[in-house]
Structures are given as structure tokens and as C-alpha cells.
Protein backbone atom coordinates (compact mmCIF):
# COMPACT_ATOMS: atom_id res chain seq x y z
CA MET A 1 17.43 35.16 -43.09
CA ALA A 2 14.96 36.16 -45.82
CA ARG A 3 14.56 32.57 -46.97
CA GLN A 4 13.60 31.53 -43.38
CA TYR A 5 11.01 34.30 -43.26
CA GLU A 6 9.51 33.23 -46.70
CA ASP A 7 9.23 29.60 -45.39
CA SER A 8 7.62 30.70 -42.24
CA ASN A 9 5.39 33.03 -44.08
CA SER A 10 4.21 30.28 -46.49
CA THR A 11 3.68 27.91 -43.64
CA VAL A 12 1.48 30.48 -41.84
CA LYS A 13 -0.52 31.04 -45.07
CA THR A 14 -0.96 27.46 -45.67
CA ARG A 15 -2.24 26.86 -42.14
CA ARG A 16 -4.55 29.84 -42.53
CA GLN A 17 -6.00 28.38 -45.72
CA GLN A 18 -6.61 24.97 -44.02
CA GLU A 19 -8.26 26.61 -41.08
CA ASP A 20 -10.51 28.57 -43.50
CA GLN A 21 -11.36 25.59 -45.41
CA ARG A 22 -12.36 23.62 -42.27
CA ARG A 23 -14.32 26.65 -41.04
CA MET A 24 -16.21 26.86 -44.26
CA ALA A 25 -17.00 23.18 -44.37
CA PHE A 26 -18.24 23.43 -40.76
CA ARG A 27 -20.44 26.57 -41.80
CA ARG A 28 -21.86 24.69 -44.85
CA ALA A 29 -22.68 21.69 -42.59
CA ILE A 30 -24.54 23.84 -40.32
CA GLU A 31 -26.39 25.66 -43.06
CA ASP A 32 -27.34 22.32 -44.63
CA ARG A 33 -28.61 21.05 -41.25
CA CYS A 34 -30.69 24.26 -40.70
CA GLU A 35 -32.13 23.95 -44.30
CA GLN A 36 -33.01 20.25 -43.61
CA ARG A 37 -34.65 21.05 -40.28
CA GLN A 38 -36.81 23.82 -41.96
CA LEU A 39 -37.82 21.46 -44.64
CA LEU A 40 -38.88 18.63 -42.29
CA GLN A 41 -40.63 21.14 -40.17
CA SER A 42 -42.57 22.40 -43.17
CA ILE A 43 -43.42 18.82 -44.10
CA THR A 44 -44.70 18.09 -40.61
CA ASP A 45 -47.20 21.05 -41.06
CA TYR A 46 -48.92 18.95 -43.82
CA PRO A 47 -49.90 15.62 -42.54
CA GLU A 48 -50.73 14.31 -46.01
CA LEU A 49 -46.92 14.61 -46.91
CA HIS A 50 -45.67 12.32 -44.09
CA TRP A 51 -45.41 9.37 -46.41
CA GLN A 52 -42.53 11.26 -48.30
CA ALA A 53 -40.46 11.84 -45.10
CA PRO A 54 -38.58 8.98 -43.64
CA VAL A 55 -39.56 8.23 -40.07
CA ALA A 56 -35.98 8.27 -38.83
CA ALA A 57 -35.32 11.51 -40.35
CA LEU A 58 -38.35 13.16 -38.63
CA ARG A 59 -37.16 11.76 -35.34
CA SER A 60 -33.65 13.20 -35.75
CA VAL A 61 -35.06 16.71 -36.26
CA GLN A 62 -37.37 16.91 -33.33
CA PRO A 63 -36.28 19.82 -30.95
CA GLY A 64 -34.79 18.93 -27.70
CA ARG A 65 -32.83 15.91 -28.72
């Protein structure tokens, strides 16, 4: 009976670790996206820097899309 409990416990631990990894990857993706939007927003504040930002990237960051 103790072995079954240990197997179940390790399965639960593994599942939680995988969930944590997925959650952290999702969180990092959100943070990266927010940072990218802030950077592109700051670039649009300076028209002389527009040549450095790809047009497709500017379109994907516009609010409301």
C-alpha cells in the first residue's frame, strides 16, 4: 500500500511541475508581449525612429485588434 501511495504522490508532483512550467512559460510570453508593445509604443512617439520598426510589427501592436 505504501508503494502505491508513493507512485501516486510522484505522479501528482510531476503533474504539478508540468503545470507550473506551462504557467511560467505563459507568464513569460505575456510579459514579453507587454514589453514589446511598450517598446513599439515608445517608438511611435518619435516619428524619426519609424524606419527602425517594421511596418508589420507596428500594425500588430495597435490597440483594438
